Full PDB file with SEQRES, HELIX, SHEET, SSBOND, CRYST1, ORIGX, SCALE, CONECT and MASTER records, all heavy atoms in Angstrom:
SEQRES   1 A   39  GLU TYR ILE THR VAL ALA TRP PHE ARG GLN VAL PRO GLY          
SEQRES   2 A   39  LYS GLN ARG GLU GLY VAL ALA CYS ILE SER TYR GLU GLY          
SEQRES   3 A   39  GLY HIS THR GLU TYR ALA THR SER VAL LYS GLY ARG PHE          
SHEET    1 AA1 3 VAL A   5  ARG A   9  0                                        
SHEET    2 AA1 3 GLU A  17  ILE A  22 -1                                        
SHEET    3 AA1 3 THR A  29  TYR A  31 -1                                        
CRYST1    1.000    1.000    1.000  90.00  90.00  90.00 P 1           1          
ORIGX1      1.000000  0.000000  0.000000        0.00000                         
ORIGX2      0.000000  1.000000  0.000000        0.00000                         
ORIGX3      0.000000  0.000000  1.000000        0.00000                         
SCALE1      1.000000  0.000000  0.000000        0.00000                         
SCALE2      0.000000  1.000000  0.000000        0.00000                         
SCALE3      0.000000  0.000000  1.000000        0.00000                         
ATOM      1  N   GLU A   1      92.673  91.538  96.571  1.00  0.00           N  
ATOM      2  CA  GLU A   1      93.700  90.790  95.848  1.00  0.00           C  
ATOM      3  C   GLU A   1      94.912  91.633  95.474  1.00  0.00           C  
ATOM      4  O   GLU A   1      96.018  91.143  95.519  1.00  0.00           O  
ATOM      5  CB  GLU A   1      93.098  90.166  94.595  1.00  0.00           C  
ATOM      6  CG  GLU A   1      94.059  89.244  93.861  1.00  0.00           C  
ATOM      7  CD  GLU A   1      93.373  88.489  92.747  1.00  0.00           C  
ATOM      8  OE1 GLU A   1      92.166  88.716  92.526  1.00  0.00           O  
ATOM      9  OE2 GLU A   1      94.030  87.679  92.092  1.00  0.00           O  
ATOM     10  N   TYR A   2      94.751  92.885  95.118  1.00  0.00           N  
ATOM     11  CA  TYR A   2      95.887  93.697  94.672  1.00  0.00           C  
ATOM     12  C   TYR A   2      96.224  94.814  95.642  1.00  0.00           C  
ATOM     13  O   TYR A   2      96.774  95.842  95.256  1.00  0.00           O  
ATOM     14  CB  TYR A   2      95.593  94.262  93.285  1.00  0.00           C  
ATOM     15  CG  TYR A   2      95.479  93.176  92.246  1.00  0.00           C  
ATOM     16  CD1 TYR A   2      94.234  92.824  91.712  1.00  0.00           C  
ATOM     17  CD2 TYR A   2      96.594  92.474  91.813  1.00  0.00           C  
ATOM     18  CE1 TYR A   2      94.132  91.810  90.781  1.00  0.00           C  
ATOM     19  CE2 TYR A   2      96.506  91.453  90.881  1.00  0.00           C  
ATOM     20  CZ  TYR A   2      95.260  91.130  90.367  1.00  0.00           C  
ATOM     21  OH  TYR A   2      95.146  90.118  89.447  1.00  0.00           O  
ATOM     22  N   ILE A   3      95.917  94.579  96.916  1.00  0.00           N  
ATOM     23  CA  ILE A   3      96.111  95.623  97.911  1.00  0.00           C  
ATOM     24  C   ILE A   3      96.978  95.112  99.057  1.00  0.00           C  
ATOM     25  O   ILE A   3      96.737  94.043  99.606  1.00  0.00           O  
ATOM     26  CB  ILE A   3      94.762  96.096  98.485  1.00  0.00           C  
ATOM     27  CG1 ILE A   3      93.820  96.524  97.345  1.00  0.00           C  
ATOM     28  CG2 ILE A   3      94.972  97.251  99.460  1.00  0.00           C  
ATOM     29  CD1 ILE A   3      92.429  96.910  97.802  1.00  0.00           C  
ATOM     30  N   THR A   4      98.000  95.899  99.396  1.00  0.00           N  
ATOM     31  CA  THR A   4      98.819  95.611 100.564  1.00  0.00           C  
ATOM     32  C   THR A   4      98.023  95.911 101.829  1.00  0.00           C  
ATOM     33  O   THR A   4      97.327  96.922 101.910  1.00  0.00           O  
ATOM     34  CB  THR A   4     100.089  96.470 100.522  1.00  0.00           C  
ATOM     35  OG1 THR A   4     100.886  96.051  99.417  1.00  0.00           O  
ATOM     36  CG2 THR A   4     100.892  96.350 101.805  1.00  0.00           C  
ATOM     37  N   VAL A   5      98.141  95.043 102.813  1.00  0.00           N  
ATOM     38  CA  VAL A   5      97.363  95.164 104.048  1.00  0.00           C  
ATOM     39  C   VAL A   5      98.302  95.089 105.252  1.00  0.00           C  
ATOM     40  O   VAL A   5      99.309  94.376 105.215  1.00  0.00           O  
ATOM     41  CB  VAL A   5      96.309  94.043 104.136  1.00  0.00           C  
ATOM     42  CG1 VAL A   5      95.493  94.173 105.421  1.00  0.00           C  
ATOM     43  CG2 VAL A   5      95.379  94.086 102.927  1.00  0.00           C  
ATOM     44  N   ALA A   6      97.956  95.811 106.286  1.00  0.00           N  
ATOM     45  CA  ALA A   6      98.762  95.793 107.509  1.00  0.00           C  
ATOM     46  C   ALA A   6      97.867  95.707 108.741  1.00  0.00           C  
ATOM     47  O   ALA A   6      96.693  96.077 108.702  1.00  0.00           O  
ATOM     48  CB  ALA A   6      99.636  97.034 107.596  1.00  0.00           C  
ATOM     49  N   TRP A   7      98.463  95.225 109.806  1.00  0.00           N  
ATOM     50  CA  TRP A   7      97.832  95.232 111.125  1.00  0.00           C  
ATOM     51  C   TRP A   7      98.549  96.255 112.003  1.00  0.00           C  
ATOM     52  O   TRP A   7      99.781  96.336 112.001  1.00  0.00           O  
ATOM     53  CB  TRP A   7      97.938  93.855 111.779  1.00  0.00           C  
ATOM     54  CG  TRP A   7      96.980  92.840 111.254  1.00  0.00           C  
ATOM     55  CD1 TRP A   7      97.222  91.895 110.292  1.00  0.00           C  
ATOM     56  CD2 TRP A   7      95.628  92.652 111.661  1.00  0.00           C  
ATOM     57  NE1 TRP A   7      96.100  91.143 110.082  1.00  0.00           N  
ATOM     58  CE2 TRP A   7      95.106  91.574 110.912  1.00  0.00           C  
ATOM     59  CE3 TRP A   7      94.793  93.270 112.598  1.00  0.00           C  
ATOM     60  CZ2 TRP A   7      93.796  91.110 111.059  1.00  0.00           C  
ATOM     61  CZ3 TRP A   7      93.496  92.809 112.747  1.00  0.00           C  
ATOM     62  CH2 TRP A   7      93.007  91.746 111.990  1.00  0.00           C  
ATOM     63  N   PHE A   8      97.751  96.978 112.768  1.00  0.00           N  
ATOM     64  CA  PHE A   8      98.261  97.939 113.740  1.00  0.00           C  
ATOM     65  C   PHE A   8      97.581  97.644 115.078  1.00  0.00           C  
ATOM     66  O   PHE A   8      96.591  96.917 115.137  1.00  0.00           O  
ATOM     67  CB  PHE A   8      97.939  99.374 113.306  1.00  0.00           C  
ATOM     68  CG  PHE A   8      98.704  99.810 112.099  1.00  0.00           C  
ATOM     69  CD1 PHE A   8      98.334  99.404 110.818  1.00  0.00           C  
ATOM     70  CD2 PHE A   8      99.809 100.650 112.216  1.00  0.00           C  
ATOM     71  CE1 PHE A   8      99.045  99.797 109.699  1.00  0.00           C  
ATOM     72  CE2 PHE A   8     100.523 101.056 111.098  1.00  0.00           C  
ATOM     73  CZ  PHE A   8     100.140 100.627 109.841  1.00  0.00           C  
ATOM     74  N   ARG A   9      98.106  98.231 116.133  1.00  0.00           N  
ATOM     75  CA  ARG A   9      97.448  98.092 117.430  1.00  0.00           C  
ATOM     76  C   ARG A   9      97.595  99.391 118.218  1.00  0.00           C  
ATOM     77  O   ARG A   9      98.513 100.172 117.982  1.00  0.00           O  
ATOM     78  CB  ARG A   9      98.030  96.917 118.221  1.00  0.00           C  
ATOM     79  CG  ARG A   9      99.486  97.069 118.638  1.00  0.00           C  
ATOM     80  CD  ARG A   9      99.980  95.768 119.263  1.00  0.00           C  
ATOM     81  NE  ARG A   9     101.376  95.875 119.708  1.00  0.00           N  
ATOM     82  CZ  ARG A   9     102.076  94.849 120.187  1.00  0.00           C  
ATOM     83  NH1 ARG A   9     101.518  93.637 120.275  1.00  0.00           N  
ATOM     84  NH2 ARG A   9     103.320  95.020 120.582  1.00  0.00           N  
ATOM     85  N   GLN A  10      96.667  99.564 119.137  1.00  0.00           N  
ATOM     86  CA  GLN A  10      96.677 100.796 119.921  1.00  0.00           C  
ATOM     87  C   GLN A  10      96.151 100.528 121.326  1.00  0.00           C  
ATOM     88  O   GLN A  10      95.161  99.822 121.505  1.00  0.00           O  
ATOM     89  CB  GLN A  10      95.810 101.863 119.244  1.00  0.00           C  
ATOM     90  CG  GLN A  10      95.923 103.239 119.857  1.00  0.00           C  
ATOM     91  CD  GLN A  10      95.256 104.301 119.015  1.00  0.00           C  
ATOM     92  OE1 GLN A  10      94.385 104.025 118.186  1.00  0.00           O  
ATOM     93  NE2 GLN A  10      95.677 105.544 119.192  1.00  0.00           N  
ATOM     94  N   VAL A  11      96.843 101.125 122.297  1.00  0.00           N  
ATOM     95  CA  VAL A  11      96.368 101.119 123.674  1.00  0.00           C  
ATOM     96  C   VAL A  11      96.032 102.545 124.041  1.00  0.00           C  
ATOM     97  O   VAL A  11      96.587 103.501 123.463  1.00  0.00           O  
ATOM     98  CB  VAL A  11      97.413 100.529 124.647  1.00  0.00           C  
ATOM     99  CG1 VAL A  11      97.674  99.082 124.308  1.00  0.00           C  
ATOM    100  CG2 VAL A  11      98.704 101.330 124.622  1.00  0.00           C  
ATOM    101  N   PRO A  12      95.133 102.752 124.998  1.00  0.00           N  
ATOM    102  CA  PRO A  12      94.734 104.113 125.369  1.00  0.00           C  
ATOM    103  C   PRO A  12      95.933 104.963 125.763  1.00  0.00           C  
ATOM    104  O   PRO A  12      96.811 104.520 126.497  1.00  0.00           O  
ATOM    105  CB  PRO A  12      93.791 103.886 126.551  1.00  0.00           C  
ATOM    106  CG  PRO A  12      93.226 102.522 126.326  1.00  0.00           C  
ATOM    107  CD  PRO A  12      94.350 101.734 125.728  1.00  0.00           C  
ATOM    108  N   GLY A  13      95.963 106.170 125.223  1.00  0.00           N  
ATOM    109  CA  GLY A  13      97.022 107.102 125.573  1.00  0.00           C  
ATOM    110  C   GLY A  13      98.297 106.943 124.779  1.00  0.00           C  
ATOM    111  O   GLY A  13      99.257 107.687 124.992  1.00  0.00           O  
ATOM    112  N   LYS A  14      98.318 105.976 123.859  1.00  0.00           N  
ATOM    113  CA  LYS A  14      99.523 105.756 123.057  1.00  0.00           C  
ATOM    114  C   LYS A  14      99.185 105.847 121.577  1.00  0.00           C  
ATOM    115  O   LYS A  14      98.039 105.693 121.158  1.00  0.00           O  
ATOM    116  CB  LYS A  14     100.137 104.402 123.385  1.00  0.00           C  
ATOM    117  CG  LYS A  14     100.752 104.315 124.764  1.00  0.00           C  
ATOM    118  CD  LYS A  14     101.579 103.052 124.896  1.00  0.00           C  
ATOM    119  CE  LYS A  14     102.319 103.016 126.225  1.00  0.00           C  
ATOM    120  NZ  LYS A  14     103.163 101.801 126.355  1.00  0.00           N  
ATOM    121  N   GLN A  15     100.237 106.070 120.793  1.00  0.00           N  
ATOM    122  CA  GLN A  15     100.081 106.122 119.349  1.00  0.00           C  
ATOM    123  C   GLN A  15      99.759 104.736 118.791  1.00  0.00           C  
ATOM    124  O   GLN A  15     100.179 103.720 119.347  1.00  0.00           O  
ATOM    125  CB  GLN A  15     101.389 106.613 118.706  1.00  0.00           C  
ATOM    126  CG  GLN A  15     101.772 108.029 119.043  1.00  0.00           C  
ATOM    127  CD  GLN A  15     101.050 109.042 118.173  1.00  0.00           C  
ATOM    128  OE1 GLN A  15     100.405 108.687 117.187  1.00  0.00           O  
ATOM    129  NE2 GLN A  15     101.147 110.308 118.537  1.00  0.00           N  
ATOM    130  N   ARG A  16      99.030 104.713 117.705  1.00  0.00           N  
ATOM    131  CA  ARG A  16      98.780 103.453 117.016  1.00  0.00           C  
ATOM    132  C   ARG A  16     100.094 102.991 116.399  1.00  0.00           C  
ATOM    133  O   ARG A  16     100.770 103.757 115.704  1.00  0.00           O  
ATOM    134  CB  ARG A  16      97.714 103.651 115.939  1.00  0.00           C  
ATOM    135  CG  ARG A  16      97.183 102.380 115.348  1.00  0.00           C  
ATOM    136  CD  ARG A  16      95.939 102.654 114.514  1.00  0.00           C  
ATOM    137  NE  ARG A  16      94.854 103.185 115.328  1.00  0.00           N  
ATOM    138  CZ  ARG A  16      93.605 103.363 114.869  1.00  0.00           C  
ATOM    139  NH1 ARG A  16      93.313 103.051 113.613  1.00  0.00           N  
ATOM    140  NH2 ARG A  16      92.684 103.863 115.657  1.00  0.00           N  
ATOM    141  N   GLU A  17     100.464 101.741 116.645  1.00  0.00           N  
ATOM    142  CA  GLU A  17     101.750 101.247 116.166  1.00  0.00           C  
ATOM    143  C   GLU A  17     101.563 100.103 115.169  1.00  0.00           C  
ATOM    144  O   GLU A  17     100.630  99.299 115.287  1.00  0.00           O  
ATOM    145  CB  GLU A  17     102.625 100.771 117.331  1.00  0.00           C  
ATOM    146  CG  GLU A  17     102.091  99.582 118.082  1.00  0.00           C  
ATOM    147  CD  GLU A  17     103.098  99.009 119.082  1.00  0.00           C  
ATOM    148  OE1 GLU A  17     104.274  99.405 119.069  1.00  0.00           O  
ATOM    149  OE2 GLU A  17     102.685  98.136 119.862  1.00  0.00           O  
ATOM    150  N   GLY A  18     102.483 100.060 114.216  1.00  0.00           N  
ATOM    151  CA  GLY A  18     102.445  98.987 113.234  1.00  0.00           C  
ATOM    152  C   GLY A  18     102.874  97.665 113.818  1.00  0.00           C  
ATOM    153  O   GLY A  18     103.823  97.611 114.606  1.00  0.00           O  
ATOM    154  N   VAL A  19     102.184  96.609 113.443  1.00  0.00           N  
ATOM    155  CA  VAL A  19     102.481  95.266 113.937  1.00  0.00           C  
ATOM    156  C   VAL A  19     103.059  94.397 112.823  1.00  0.00           C  
ATOM    157  O   VAL A  19     104.105  93.775 112.990  1.00  0.00           O  
ATOM    158  CB  VAL A  19     101.219  94.611 114.523  1.00  0.00           C  
ATOM    159  CG1 VAL A  19     101.491  93.171 114.917  1.00  0.00           C  
ATOM    160  CG2 VAL A  19     100.698  95.406 115.705  1.00  0.00           C  
ATOM    161  N   ALA A  20     102.363  94.346 111.696  1.00  0.00           N  
ATOM    162  CA  ALA A  20     102.803  93.491 110.589  1.00  0.00           C  
ATOM    163  C   ALA A  20     102.132  93.951 109.304  1.00  0.00           C  
ATOM    164  O   ALA A  20     101.057  94.542 109.334  1.00  0.00           O  
ATOM    165  CB  ALA A  20     102.456  92.034 110.861  1.00  0.00           C  
ATOM    166  N   CYS A  21     102.782  93.661 108.188  1.00  0.00           N  
ATOM    167  CA  CYS A  21     102.183  93.960 106.892  1.00  0.00           C  
ATOM    168  C   CYS A  21     102.481  92.817 105.936  1.00  0.00           C  
ATOM    169  O   CYS A  21     103.402  92.016 106.164  1.00  0.00           O  
ATOM    170  CB  CYS A  21     102.709  95.279 106.325  1.00  0.00           C  
ATOM    171  SG  CYS A  21     104.473  95.272 105.934  1.00  0.00           S  
ATOM    172  N   ILE A  22     101.699  92.768 104.859  1.00  0.00           N  
ATOM    173  CA  ILE A  22     101.903  91.742 103.840  1.00  0.00           C  
ATOM    174  C   ILE A  22     101.648  92.357 102.475  1.00  0.00           C  
ATOM    175  O   ILE A  22     100.651  93.070 102.271  1.00  0.00           O  
ATOM    176  CB  ILE A  22     101.004  90.517 104.105  1.00  0.00           C  
ATOM    177  CG1 ILE A  22     101.316  89.379 103.131  1.00  0.00           C  
ATOM    178  CG2 ILE A  22      99.522  90.881 104.077  1.00  0.00           C  
ATOM    179  CD1 ILE A  22     100.745  88.039 103.561  1.00  0.00           C  
ATOM    180  N   SER A  23     102.541  92.119 101.533  1.00  0.00           N  
ATOM    181  CA  SER A  23     102.383  92.648 100.188  1.00  0.00           C  
ATOM    182  C   SER A  23     101.182  91.996  99.501  1.00  0.00           C  
ATOM    183  O   SER A  23     100.690  90.955  99.947  1.00  0.00           O  
ATOM    184  CB  SER A  23     103.654  92.414  99.371  1.00  0.00           C  
ATOM    185  OG  SER A  23     103.962  91.028  99.322  1.00  0.00           O  
ATOM    186  N   TYR A  24     100.729  92.588  98.403  1.00  0.00           N  
ATOM    187  CA  TYR A  24      99.453  92.139  97.850  1.00  0.00           C  
ATOM    188  C   TYR A  24      99.494  90.717  97.316  1.00  0.00           C  
ATOM    189  O   TYR A  24      98.475  90.024  97.308  1.00  0.00           O  
ATOM    190  CB  TYR A  24      98.936  93.116  96.787  1.00  0.00           C  
ATOM    191  CG  TYR A  24      99.676  93.146  95.476  1.00  0.00           C  
ATOM    192  CD1 TYR A  24      99.525  92.133  94.527  1.00  0.00           C  
ATOM    193  CD2 TYR A  24     100.493  94.218  95.143  1.00  0.00           C  
ATOM    194  CE1 TYR A  24     100.168  92.183  93.316  1.00  0.00           C  
ATOM    195  CE2 TYR A  24     101.143  94.276  93.926  1.00  0.00           C  
ATOM    196  CZ  TYR A  24     100.981  93.248  93.019  1.00  0.00           C  
ATOM    197  OH  TYR A  24     101.635  93.307  91.810  1.00  0.00           O  
ATOM    198  N   GLU A  25     100.681  90.266  96.876  1.00  0.00           N  
ATOM    199  CA  GLU A  25     100.759  88.893  96.358  1.00  0.00           C  
ATOM    200  C   GLU A  25     101.165  87.916  97.460  1.00  0.00           C  
ATOM    201  O   GLU A  25     101.243  86.711  97.235  1.00  0.00           O  
ATOM    202  CB  GLU A  25     101.749  88.827  95.183  1.00  0.00           C  
ATOM    203  CG  GLU A  25     103.206  88.656  95.561  1.00  0.00           C  
ATOM    204  CD  GLU A  25     103.823  89.863  96.242  1.00  0.00           C  
ATOM    205  OE1 GLU A  25     103.160  90.918  96.357  1.00  0.00           O  
ATOM    206  OE2 GLU A  25     104.988  89.760  96.658  1.00  0.00           O  
ATOM    207  N   GLY A  26     101.422  88.472  98.665  1.00  0.00           N  
ATOM    208  CA  GLY A  26     101.764  87.622  99.801  1.00  0.00           C  
ATOM    209  C   GLY A  26     103.223  87.245  99.899  1.00  0.00           C  
ATOM    210  O   GLY A  26     103.616  86.503 100.794  1.00  0.00           O  
ATOM    211  N   GLY A  27     104.050  87.768  98.997  1.00  0.00           N  
ATOM    212  CA  GLY A  27     105.442  87.339  98.960  1.00  0.00           C  
ATOM    213  C   GLY A  27     106.364  88.053  99.921  1.00  0.00           C  
ATOM    214  O   GLY A  27     107.517  87.638 100.112  1.00  0.00           O  
ATOM    215  N   HIS A  28     105.908  89.133 100.527  1.00  0.00           N  
ATOM    216  CA  HIS A  28     106.768  89.907 101.431  1.00  0.00           C  
ATOM    217  C   HIS A  28     105.997  90.285 102.677  1.00  0.00           C  
ATOM    218  O   HIS A  28     104.847  90.714 102.591  1.00  0.00           O  
ATOM    219  CB  HIS A  28     107.265  91.173 100.737  1.00  0.00           C  
ATOM    220  CG  HIS A  28     108.212  91.964 101.581  1.00  0.00           C  
ATOM    221  ND1 HIS A  28     109.541  91.642 101.712  1.00  0.00           N  
ATOM    222  CD2 HIS A  28     108.004  93.041 102.371  1.00  0.00           C  
ATOM    223  CE1 HIS A  28     110.121  92.503 102.522  1.00  0.00           C  
ATOM    224  NE2 HIS A  28     109.210  93.359 102.944  1.00  0.00           N  
ATOM    225  N   THR A  29     106.642  90.127 103.817  1.00  0.00           N  
ATOM    226  CA  THR A  29     106.045  90.521 105.089  1.00  0.00           C  
ATOM    227  C   THR A  29     107.060  91.312 105.906  1.00  0.00           C  
ATOM    228  O   THR A  29     108.279  91.169 105.716  1.00  0.00           O  
ATOM    229  CB  THR A  29     105.595  89.294 105.906  1.00  0.00           C  
ATOM    230  OG1 THR A  29     106.719  88.424 106.103  1.00  0.00           O  
ATOM    231  CG2 THR A  29     104.487  88.525 105.206  1.00  0.00           C  
ATOM    232  N   GLU A  30     106.555  92.144 106.787  1.00  0.00           N  
ATOM    233  CA  GLU A  30     107.384  92.883 107.732  1.00  0.00           C  
ATOM    234  C   GLU A  30     106.715  92.800 109.100  1.00  0.00           C  
ATOM    235  O   GLU A  30     105.480  92.734 109.180  1.00  0.00           O  
ATOM    236  CB  GLU A  30     107.509  94.359 107.321  1.00  0.00           C  
ATOM    237  CG  GLU A  30     108.299  94.605 106.054  1.00  0.00           C  
ATOM    238  CD  GLU A  30     109.798  94.536 106.274  1.00  0.00           C  
ATOM    239  OE1 GLU A  30     110.236  94.593 107.426  1.00  0.00           O  
ATOM    240  OE2 GLU A  30     110.524  94.412 105.255  1.00  0.00           O  
ATOM    241  N   TYR A  31     107.550  92.824 110.144  1.00  0.00           N  
ATOM    242  CA  TYR A  31     107.003  92.740 111.498  1.00  0.00           C  
ATOM    243  C   TYR A  31     107.677  93.763 112.404  1.00  0.00           C  
ATOM    244  O   TYR A  31     108.863  94.066 112.239  1.00  0.00           O  
ATOM    245  CB  TYR A  31     107.243  91.342 112.085  1.00  0.00           C  
ATOM    246  CG  TYR A  31     106.523  90.243 111.355  1.00  0.00           C  
ATOM    247  CD1 TYR A  31     107.131  89.563 110.311  1.00  0.00           C  
ATOM    248  CD2 TYR A  31     105.225  89.895 111.704  1.00  0.00           C  
ATOM    249  CE1 TYR A  31     106.470  88.559 109.633  1.00  0.00           C  
ATOM    250  CE2 TYR A  31     104.549  88.888 111.033  1.00  0.00           C  
ATOM    251  CZ  TYR A  31     105.175  88.230 110.001  1.00  0.00           C  
ATOM    252  OH  TYR A  31     104.508  87.235 109.330  1.00  0.00           O  
ATOM    253  N   ALA A  32     106.929  94.225 113.379  1.00  0.00           N  
ATOM    254  CA  ALA A  32     107.534  95.022 114.438  1.00  0.00           C  
ATOM    255  C   ALA A  32     108.477  94.131 115.234  1.00  0.00           C  
ATOM    256  O   ALA A  32     108.226  92.924 115.395  1.00  0.00           O  
ATOM    257  CB  ALA A  32     106.449  95.587 115.354  1.00  0.00           C  
ATOM    258  N   THR A  33     109.545  94.713 115.725  1.00  0.00           N  
ATOM    259  CA  THR A  33     110.528  93.941 116.480  1.00  0.00           C  
ATOM    260  C   THR A  33     109.885  93.223 117.666  1.00  0.00           C  
ATOM    261  O   THR A  33     110.237  92.082 117.975  1.00  0.00           O  
ATOM    262  CB  THR A  33     111.638  94.879 116.986  1.00  0.00           C  
ATOM    263  OG1 THR A  33     112.238  95.523 115.854  1.00  0.00           O  
ATOM    264  CG2 THR A  33     112.693  94.108 117.748  1.00  0.00           C  
ATOM    265  N   SER A  34     108.931  93.868 118.287  1.00  0.00           N  
ATOM    266  CA  SER A  34     108.312  93.319 119.489  1.00  0.00           C  
ATOM    267  C   SER A  34     107.495  92.055 119.240  1.00  0.00           C  
ATOM    268  O   SER A  34     107.206  91.311 120.182  1.00  0.00           O  
ATOM    269  CB  SER A  34     107.420  94.375 120.148  1.00  0.00           C  
ATOM    270  OG  SER A  34     106.401  94.780 119.258  1.00  0.00           O  
ATOM    271  N   VAL A  35     107.117  91.794 117.992  1.00  0.00           N  
ATOM    272  CA  VAL A  35     106.285  90.619 117.699  1.00  0.00           C  
ATOM    273  C   VAL A  35     106.979  89.609 116.792  1.00  0.00           C  
ATOM    274  O   VAL A  35     106.441  88.519 116.555  1.00  0.00           O  
ATOM    275  CB  VAL A  35     104.936  91.027 117.063  1.00  0.00           C  
ATOM    276  CG1 VAL A  35     104.234  92.076 117.918  1.00  0.00           C  
ATOM    277  CG2 VAL A  35     105.111  91.513 115.635  1.00  0.00           C  
ATOM    278  N   LYS A  36     108.151  89.957 116.314  1.00  0.00           N  
ATOM    279  CA  LYS A  36     108.854  89.069 115.372  1.00  0.00           C  
ATOM    280  C   LYS A  36     109.120  87.715 116.025  1.00  0.00           C  
ATOM    281  O   LYS A  36     109.582  87.634 117.163  1.00  0.00           O  
ATOM    282  CB  LYS A  36     110.158  89.738 114.952  1.00  0.00           C  
ATOM    283  CG  LYS A  36     110.726  89.235 113.645  1.00  0.00           C  
ATOM    284  CD  LYS A  36     111.883  90.099 113.184  1.00  0.00           C  
ATOM    285  CE  LYS A  36     111.450  91.479 112.786  1.00  0.00           C  
ATOM    286  NZ  LYS A  36     112.553  92.302 112.213  1.00  0.00           N  
ATOM    287  N   GLY A  37     108.815  86.663 115.292  1.00  0.00           N  
ATOM    288  CA  GLY A  37     109.003  85.319 115.820  1.00  0.00           C  
ATOM    289  C   GLY A  37     107.804  84.779 116.576  1.00  0.00           C  
ATOM    290  O   GLY A  37     107.732  83.579 116.847  1.00  0.00           O  
ATOM    291  N   ARG A  38     106.851  85.649 116.904  1.00  0.00           N  
ATOM    292  CA  ARG A  38     105.651  85.222 117.619  1.00  0.00           C  
ATOM    293  C   ARG A  38     104.388  85.385 116.776  1.00  0.00           C  
ATOM    294  O   ARG A  38     103.452  84.597 116.902  1.00  0.00           O  
ATOM    295  CB  ARG A  38     105.487  86.028 118.912  1.00  0.00           C  
ATOM    296  CG  ARG A  38     106.634  85.889 119.882  1.00  0.00           C  
ATOM    297  CD  ARG A  38     106.324  86.575 121.208  1.00  0.00           C  
ATOM    298  NE  ARG A  38     106.123  88.008 121.082  1.00  0.00           N  
ATOM    299  CZ  ARG A  38     105.013  88.642 121.435  1.00  0.00           C  
ATOM    300  NH1 ARG A  38     103.991  87.972 121.948  1.00  0.00           N  
ATOM    301  NH2 ARG A  38     104.912  89.958 121.293  1.00  0.00           N  
ATOM    302  N   PHE A  39     104.344  86.406 115.940  1.00  0.00           N  
ATOM    303  CA  PHE A  39     103.173  86.693 115.107  1.00  0.00           C  
ATOM    304  C   PHE A  39     103.479  86.346 113.658  1.00  0.00           C  
ATOM    305  O   PHE A  39     104.611  86.498 113.191  1.00  0.00           O  
ATOM    306  CB  PHE A  39     102.803  88.168 115.184  1.00  0.00           C  
ATOM    307  CG  PHE A  39     102.244  88.644 116.504  1.00  0.00           C  
ATOM    308  CD1 PHE A  39     102.300  87.861 117.649  1.00  0.00           C  
ATOM    309  CD2 PHE A  39     101.658  89.895 116.597  1.00  0.00           C  
ATOM    310  CE1 PHE A  39     101.781  88.302 118.845  1.00  0.00           C  
ATOM    311  CE2 PHE A  39     101.138  90.357 117.790  1.00  0.00           C  
ATOM    312  CZ  PHE A  39     101.211  89.555 118.920  1.00  0.00           C  
TER     313      PHE A  39                                                      
MASTER        0    0    0    0    3    0    0    6  312    1    0    3          
END                                                                             
């Protein structure tokens, strides 16, 4: 309930990259440019 959570993804041989996050109350989100509008 009081913890910010994020999703990341990783493919073999590449760095783990951020995909999306959400603030603990759900009022703020951020997205990677590559997924904005789709995720």
